[in-house]
Amino acid sequence: MANSSLCLVGGTFDHLHAGHLRLFSAALSECDKLEVWLTTDTLAALKSRLIQSAETRRTAILDWADENAPDRVSVHPLEDAVGPAESRRDATAIACTSETVAACEAINRTRVEAGLAPLSIIEVEHLTDPSGHALSSSRIRAGVVDREGDLWLGEREQERLQRMPTSLDGELKQPMGDLFKGPESKPRKAILAAMAAAPDLPPKWVGVGDVTVKAMLDAGRVPDLGVIDGMTQRTPWEGAGSIDPAEFDHHLTCVNPAGLLTPDLKRKVREALANHGNTLLEVEGEEDLAPIVVHLLAPLGSVILYGQPGKGVVLRVTDEATKARARRILDLFTTEVGE
């Protein structure tokens, strides 16, 4: 290791993940110090409005550094595409992935033209997830993978017929989110309160249950995904025919008997969330367990609304903790033999 060697690295580093940490570790294995130049909120917003705040991203990096490389990492605001790399005389290296090597080479050309020594380029390959895609913050925000690159719901598991164990009855009867009270016969008050409490501009609005979907429609919000089964509290709902599929851009159907999560339901939820426009998914059987699949597949920040029998409407935002809970619950399901 060279004395007083300094590596620069720039990026957004949203939802700090294993690929980022691999990049930092590679830089620190070759240099004494690492400066992380972190895109400002203004610059990050040009990429996606769903990126975490600069302060959240900065804290995550420094927390990791305090534990793994104390006194060797500092974080600085990056306000343009290049940062200080073209002019820093004390820098000796720059870290990047294969997709940004060309930019690093351009920085070195500028340095040489200015009479500065070129930076040593530390190139680190992307980590890949089980589906062969590079682990990225965008795939984390899209709700596809966690920060280690593991799929929240892989295609192999999607094709399994899974049964809910009776041991989960108690847990799943409790609201999985914030409860907005109101009578099921007059859900407008509860649905309006829940919608008002939701974050601004979520990537997806999802309603699960006939009464909830109808209440959303009556309130002027066509959900990106509405999941219905013609039932309420496991009995036929007299208002089922009042939900008009023509209010949606897409209309899908699937089969999902009570107590099960079928491959058909999982495929259709995945398809619906990938659709441009609004999708109504009609379930032959029961949609009670659908929120588990929805949370696993929905983008981070999505808003899920569903009815809580006899109590009101539940609002749950799909965040990483929600996905982890849904994953834990699904891990307790049994796979039906022969499927």
Protein backbone atom coordinates (compact mmCIF):
# COMPACT_ATOMS: atom_id res chain seq x y z
CA MET A 1 0.00 0.00 0.00
CA ALA A 2 1.44 3.37 -0.98
CA ASN A 3 1.94 5.97 1.76
CA SER A 4 -0.80 8.62 2.00
CA SER A 5 -2.65 7.14 -0.95
CA LEU A 6 -6.09 8.59 -1.57
CA CYS A 7 -8.90 7.10 -3.65
CA LEU A 8 -11.89 9.04 -4.94
CA VAL A 9 -15.26 7.52 -5.75
CA GLY A 10 -18.45 9.24 -6.76
CA GLY A 11 -22.05 8.20 -7.01
CA THR A 12 -25.55 8.29 -5.58
CA PHE A 13 -25.18 5.20 -3.36
CA ASP A 14 -28.92 4.98 -2.79
CA HIS A 15 -30.09 2.14 -0.53
CA LEU A 16 -26.46 1.27 0.23
CA HIS A 17 -26.03 -2.31 -0.93
CA ALA A 18 -23.51 -5.13 -1.18
CA GLY A 19 -22.24 -3.89 -4.55
CA HIS A 20 -21.43 -0.47 -3.12
CA LEU A 21 -19.66 -2.03 -0.18
CA ARG A 22 -17.64 -4.22 -2.52
CA LEU A 23 -16.53 -1.08 -4.36
CA PHE A 24 -15.56 0.71 -1.14
CA SER A 25 -13.70 -2.33 0.16
CA ALA A 26 -11.72 -2.70 -3.06
CA ALA A 27 -10.70 0.96 -2.90
CA LEU A 28 -9.65 0.66 0.74
CA SER A 29 -7.64 -2.47 0.00
CA GLU A 30 -5.37 -0.40 -2.25
CA CYS A 31 -5.43 3.04 -0.63
CA ASP A 32 -5.09 4.51 2.85
CA LYS A 33 -8.01 6.88 2.54
CA LEU A 34 -11.29 6.96 0.60
CA GLU A 35 -13.28 10.04 -0.26
CA VAL A 36 -16.87 9.29 -1.24
CA TRP A 37 -18.37 12.07 -3.34
CA LEU A 38 -22.12 11.76 -2.88
CA THR A 39 -24.65 13.27 -5.28
CA THR A 40 -26.69 16.06 -3.74
CA ASP A 41 -30.45 15.88 -3.43
CA THR A 42 -30.76 18.24 -6.39
CA LEU A 43 -28.61 16.06 -8.63
CA ALA A 44 -30.16 12.80 -7.41
CA ALA A 45 -33.67 14.09 -8.09
CA LEU A 46 -32.81 14.30 -11.78
CA LYS A 47 -32.36 10.51 -11.71
CA SER A 48 -35.36 9.50 -9.59
CA ARG A 49 -37.64 11.18 -7.08
CA LEU A 50 -37.58 7.94 -5.06
CA ILE A 51 -33.89 8.17 -4.14
CA GLN A 52 -33.21 8.54 -0.43
CA SER A 53 -32.15 11.92 0.92
CA ALA A 54 -28.47 12.83 0.83
CA GLU A 55 -28.42 12.84 4.64
CA THR A 56 -29.83 9.29 4.80
CA ARG A 57 -27.31 8.07 2.22
CA ARG A 58 -24.43 9.89 3.94
CA THR A 59 -25.33 8.39 7.32
CA ALA A 60 -25.46 4.86 5.89
CA ILE A 61 -21.96 5.22 4.40
CA LEU A 62 -20.45 6.66 7.57
CA ASP A 63 -22.11 4.02 9.76
CA TRP A 64 -20.53 1.32 7.59
CA ALA A 65 -17.17 3.11 7.63
CA ASP A 66 -17.19 3.52 11.41
CA GLU A 67 -17.54 -0.23 11.78
CA ASN A 68 -15.33 -1.41 8.94
CA ALA A 69 -12.78 1.33 8.18
CA PRO A 70 -12.67 3.82 11.07
CA ASP A 71 -11.01 7.15 10.27
CA ARG A 72 -10.36 6.18 6.66
CA VAL A 73 -13.56 7.30 4.90
CA SER A 74 -15.05 10.76 4.42
CA VAL A 75 -18.16 11.84 2.52
CA HIS A 76 -18.50 15.02 0.43
CA PRO A 77 -21.27 16.58 -1.71
CA LEU A 78 -21.08 15.89 -5.44
CA GLU A 79 -22.79 18.64 -7.42
CA ASP A 80 -21.82 17.69 -10.98
CA ALA A 81 -20.88 14.63 -13.01
CA VAL A 82 -17.12 14.82 -12.41
CA GLY A 83 -16.46 16.30 -8.98
CA PRO A 84 -12.87 17.13 -8.02
CA ALA A 85 -11.18 14.19 -9.77
CA GLU A 86 -9.83 16.22 -12.70
CA SER A 87 -7.89 18.62 -10.50
CA ARG A 88 -7.02 17.00 -7.17
CA ARG A 89 -3.23 16.84 -6.82
CA ASP A 90 -3.35 14.69 -3.68
CA ALA A 91 -5.53 11.94 -5.20
CA THR A 92 -3.83 8.76 -6.39
CA ALA A 93 -6.70 6.53 -7.49
CA ILE A 94 -10.31 6.46 -8.56
CA ALA A 95 -12.72 3.55 -8.04
CA CYS A 96 -15.47 2.59 -10.45
CA THR A 97 -17.51 -0.20 -12.00
CA SER A 98 -17.13 -1.39 -15.57
CA GLU A 99 -19.89 0.93 -16.77
CA THR A 100 -18.01 4.04 -15.61
CA VAL A 101 -14.46 3.11 -16.65
CA ALA A 102 -14.75 5.30 -19.76
CA ALA A 103 -15.58 8.33 -17.61
CA CYS A 104 -12.53 7.65 -15.44
CA GLU A 105 -10.33 7.40 -18.52
CA ALA A 106 -11.70 10.78 -19.70
CA ILE A 107 -10.85 12.25 -16.31
CA ASN A 108 -7.28 10.97 -16.68
CA ARG A 109 -6.92 12.54 -20.11
CA THR A 110 -7.97 15.88 -18.67
CA ARG A 111 -5.48 15.48 -15.82
CA VAL A 112 -2.60 14.67 -18.15
CA GLU A 113 -3.42 17.68 -20.33
CA ALA A 114 -3.27 19.82 -17.17
CA GLY A 115 0.12 18.37 -16.22
CA LEU A 116 -1.22 16.11 -13.43
CA ALA A 117 -0.46 12.43 -12.98
CA PRO A 118 -3.25 10.09 -14.08
CA LEU A 119 -5.19 8.31 -11.36
CA SER A 120 -4.90 4.58 -10.90
CA ILE A 121 -8.28 3.12 -11.92
CA ILE A 122 -9.63 0.52 -9.50
CA GLU A 123 -12.31 -1.31 -11.48
CA VAL A 124 -14.76 -3.53 -9.63
CA GLU A 125 -17.21 -5.90 -11.29
CA HIS A 126 -20.90 -5.72 -10.45
CA LEU A 127 -22.47 -8.28 -8.17
CA THR A 128 -25.26 -10.20 -9.88
CA ASP A 129 -28.53 -11.51 -8.48
CA PRO A 130 -29.86 -15.06 -9.05
CA SER A 131 -31.60 -13.93 -12.23
CA GLY A 132 -28.31 -12.71 -13.70
CA HIS A 133 -28.97 -8.97 -13.37
CA ALA A 134 -26.46 -6.60 -11.82
CA LEU A 135 -27.31 -5.62 -8.26
CA SER A 136 -28.36 -1.99 -8.42
CA SER A 137 -30.17 0.63 -6.38
CA SER A 138 -32.78 0.91 -9.13
CA ARG A 139 -33.68 -2.79 -8.79
CA ILE A 140 -33.89 -2.34 -5.01
CA ARG A 141 -36.22 0.65 -5.45
CA ALA A 142 -38.24 -1.37 -7.97
CA GLY A 143 -38.83 -3.92 -5.21
CA VAL A 144 -37.16 -6.78 -7.08
CA VAL A 145 -34.18 -7.52 -4.80
CA ASP A 146 -32.90 -6.75 -1.33
CA ARG A 147 -29.59 -5.07 -0.56
CA GLU A 148 -27.70 -8.36 -0.78
CA GLY A 149 -29.11 -9.05 -4.24
CA ASP A 150 -31.55 -11.76 -3.16
CA LEU A 151 -34.87 -11.81 -5.01
CA TRP A 152 -37.86 -11.02 -2.83
CA LEU A 153 -39.87 -13.52 -4.87
CA GLY A 154 -37.97 -15.62 -7.37
CA GLU A 155 -39.45 -17.25 -10.44
CA ARG A 156 -38.98 -20.78 -9.06
CA GLU A 157 -40.94 -19.94 -5.94
CA GLN A 158 -43.51 -18.17 -8.06
CA GLU A 159 -44.35 -21.52 -9.61
CA ARG A 160 -45.00 -23.24 -6.27
CA LEU A 161 -48.46 -23.85 -4.85
CA GLN A 162 -48.12 -22.72 -1.23
CA ARG A 163 -50.45 -23.26 1.72
CA MET A 164 -50.76 -21.02 4.75
CA PRO A 165 -50.18 -22.86 8.05
CA THR A 166 -52.83 -22.47 10.76
CA SER A 167 -50.09 -21.11 13.05
CA LEU A 168 -50.29 -17.82 11.12
CA ASP A 169 -54.02 -17.32 11.67
CA GLY A 170 -53.56 -15.00 14.64
CA GLU A 171 -50.81 -12.88 13.11
CA LEU A 172 -52.56 -12.40 9.78
CA LYS A 173 -55.80 -11.33 11.47
CA GLN A 174 -53.97 -8.35 12.95
CA PRO A 175 -53.70 -5.17 10.85
CA MET A 176 -50.44 -5.15 8.89
CA GLY A 177 -50.20 -1.36 8.85
CA ASP A 178 -52.11 1.71 10.04
CA LEU A 179 -55.80 1.15 10.70
CA PHE A 180 -58.35 3.81 9.72
CA LYS A 181 -61.59 2.97 11.46
CA GLY A 182 -64.98 3.00 9.80
CA PRO A 183 -67.97 0.72 9.14
CA GLU A 184 -67.72 -1.61 6.17
CA SER A 185 -71.19 -0.50 5.06
CA LYS A 186 -69.90 3.09 4.74
CA PRO A 187 -66.19 2.84 3.89
CA ARG A 188 -65.85 6.32 2.36
CA LYS A 189 -64.68 8.04 5.56
CA ALA A 190 -62.01 5.42 6.28
CA ILE A 191 -60.76 5.24 2.69
CA LEU A 192 -60.49 9.03 2.40
CA ALA A 193 -58.56 9.21 5.68
CA ALA A 194 -56.21 6.43 4.57
CA MET A 195 -55.61 8.01 1.17
CA ALA A 196 -54.92 11.40 2.78
CA ALA A 197 -52.35 9.80 5.09
CA ALA A 198 -50.51 8.08 2.22
CA PRO A 199 -47.19 9.47 0.96
CA ASP A 200 -47.30 11.80 -2.04
CA LEU A 201 -46.95 10.25 -5.49
CA PRO A 202 -46.32 6.61 -4.57
CA PRO A 203 -45.08 4.46 -7.48
CA LYS A 204 -48.15 2.22 -7.14
CA TRP A 205 -51.58 2.46 -5.55
CA VAL A 206 -52.97 -0.99 -4.74
CA GLY A 207 -56.37 -1.90 -3.37
CA VAL A 208 -57.13 -5.42 -2.15
CA GLY A 209 -60.73 -6.45 -1.51
CA ASP A 210 -64.00 -5.56 -3.24
CA VAL A 211 -65.17 -3.00 -0.68
CA THR A 212 -61.76 -1.28 -0.65
CA VAL A 213 -61.43 -1.16 -4.45
CA LYS A 214 -64.98 0.17 -4.85
CA ALA A 215 -64.36 2.81 -2.18
CA MET A 216 -61.18 3.91 -3.95
CA LEU A 217 -63.04 4.20 -7.24
CA ASP A 218 -65.83 6.19 -5.60
CA ALA A 219 -63.20 8.50 -4.10
CA GLY A 220 -61.77 9.18 -7.55
CA ARG A 221 -58.68 7.00 -7.26
CA VAL A 222 -58.41 4.16 -9.77
CA PRO A 223 -55.79 1.87 -8.22
CA ASP A 224 -52.83 0.78 -10.31
CA LEU A 225 -53.80 -2.69 -9.14
CA GLY A 226 -57.19 -3.63 -7.75
CA VAL A 227 -57.62 -7.20 -6.48
CA ILE A 228 -61.17 -8.46 -5.95
CA ASP A 229 -62.97 -11.79 -5.49
CA GLY A 230 -66.67 -10.84 -5.27
CA MET A 231 -66.67 -11.59 -1.54
CA THR A 232 -66.53 -9.75 1.75
CA GLN A 233 -65.80 -11.57 4.99
CA ARG A 234 -65.90 -14.77 2.91
CA THR A 235 -69.51 -14.31 1.84
CA PRO A 236 -70.75 -13.01 -1.54
CA TRP A 237 -70.81 -9.21 -1.62
CA GLU A 238 -73.97 -7.69 -3.00
CA GLY A 239 -72.02 -4.78 -4.48
CA ALA A 240 -69.59 -6.94 -6.43
CA GLY A 241 -71.21 -6.15 -9.75
CA SER A 242 -70.76 -2.42 -9.21
CA ILE A 243 -67.01 -2.59 -9.94
CA ASP A 244 -66.76 -1.98 -13.67
CA PRO A 245 -63.67 -3.50 -15.34
CA ALA A 246 -64.00 -0.78 -18.00
CA GLU A 247 -62.65 1.72 -15.45
CA PHE A 248 -59.30 -0.07 -15.71
CA ASP A 249 -56.85 -0.27 -18.61
CA HIS A 250 -56.30 -4.01 -18.10
CA HIS A 251 -58.47 -6.85 -16.80
CA LEU A 252 -56.90 -10.09 -15.57
CA THR A 253 -58.31 -13.17 -13.87
CA CYS A 254 -56.74 -15.94 -11.81
CA VAL A 255 -57.64 -18.91 -9.62
CA ASN A 256 -56.63 -18.90 -5.95
CA PRO A 257 -58.53 -21.10 -3.48
CA ALA A 258 -58.83 -20.09 0.18
CA GLY A 259 -55.71 -20.60 2.29
CA LEU A 260 -53.44 -20.92 -0.74
CA LEU A 261 -51.12 -18.82 -2.86
CA THR A 262 -51.19 -20.22 -6.36
CA PRO A 263 -48.69 -19.76 -9.19
CA ASP A 264 -51.58 -18.23 -11.15
CA LEU A 265 -52.12 -15.47 -8.56
CA LYS A 266 -48.39 -14.73 -8.25
CA ARG A 267 -47.93 -14.53 -12.03
CA LYS A 268 -50.91 -12.22 -12.45
CA VAL A 269 -49.85 -9.89 -9.63
CA ARG A 270 -46.38 -9.65 -11.19
CA GLU A 271 -47.90 -8.97 -14.60
CA ALA A 272 -50.29 -6.37 -13.22
CA LEU A 273 -47.56 -4.46 -11.38
CA ALA A 274 -45.48 -4.42 -14.56
CA ASN A 275 -48.36 -3.08 -16.66
CA HIS A 276 -48.56 0.50 -17.80
CA GLY A 277 -51.91 1.78 -16.64
CA ASN A 278 -54.42 0.35 -14.17
CA THR A 279 -55.21 -3.34 -13.78
CA LEU A 280 -58.21 -5.07 -12.24
CA LEU A 281 -57.39 -8.61 -11.09
CA GLU A 282 -60.43 -10.78 -10.45
CA VAL A 283 -59.72 -13.82 -8.29
CA GLU A 284 -61.78 -16.98 -8.49
CA GLY A 285 -61.51 -18.12 -4.90
CA GLU A 286 -60.05 -15.74 -2.30
CA GLU A 287 -57.74 -12.73 -2.40
CA ASP A 288 -57.20 -12.54 1.39
CA LEU A 289 -53.53 -13.57 1.15
CA ALA A 290 -52.75 -11.45 -1.91
CA PRO A 291 -51.15 -8.59 0.10
CA ILE A 292 -48.23 -10.90 0.92
CA VAL A 293 -47.45 -11.34 -2.77
CA VAL A 294 -48.16 -7.69 -3.57
CA HIS A 295 -45.71 -6.45 -0.93
CA LEU A 296 -43.01 -8.83 -2.16
CA LEU A 297 -43.36 -7.67 -5.78
CA ALA A 298 -44.32 -4.00 -5.49
CA PRO A 299 -41.82 -1.13 -5.83
CA LEU A 300 -40.63 0.47 -2.62
CA GLY A 301 -42.95 3.28 -1.59
CA SER A 302 -46.08 1.65 -3.01
CA VAL A 303 -49.30 2.15 -1.04
CA ILE A 304 -51.41 -0.92 -0.28
CA LEU A 305 -54.95 -0.50 1.05
CA TYR A 306 -57.13 -3.36 2.21
CA GLY A 307 -60.14 -3.88 4.44
CA GLN A 308 -59.91 -5.13 8.02
CA PRO A 309 -63.20 -6.99 8.72
CA GLY A 310 -65.36 -5.11 11.18
CA LYS A 311 -62.71 -2.43 11.80
CA GLY A 312 -61.97 -0.29 8.76
CA VAL A 313 -59.23 0.17 6.19
CA VAL A 314 -55.54 -0.65 6.61
CA LEU A 315 -52.81 1.41 4.94
CA ARG A 316 -49.37 -0.10 4.53
CA VAL A 317 -46.48 1.39 2.57
CA THR A 318 -44.24 -1.18 0.94
CA ASP A 319 -40.81 -0.56 2.45
CA GLU A 320 -37.92 -2.90 3.13
CA ALA A 321 -39.28 -3.85 6.56
CA THR A 322 -42.65 -4.71 5.01
CA LYS A 323 -40.99 -6.87 2.39
CA ALA A 324 -38.91 -8.63 5.05
CA ARG A 325 -42.04 -9.37 7.08
CA ALA A 326 -43.87 -10.68 4.02
CA ARG A 327 -40.84 -12.80 3.19
CA ARG A 328 -40.74 -14.23 6.72
CA ILE A 329 -44.44 -15.07 6.56
CA LEU A 330 -44.16 -16.73 3.15
CA ASP A 331 -41.22 -18.80 4.37
CA LEU A 332 -43.62 -20.41 6.86
CA PHE A 333 -45.98 -21.56 4.10
CA THR A 334 -45.78 -25.17 3.01
CA THR A 335 -45.38 -26.26 -0.59
CA GLU A 336 -48.09 -28.61 -1.76
CA VAL A 337 -46.66 -31.99 -2.73
CA GLY A 338 -46.76 -32.74 -6.44
CA GLU A 339 -46.82 -29.11 -7.51
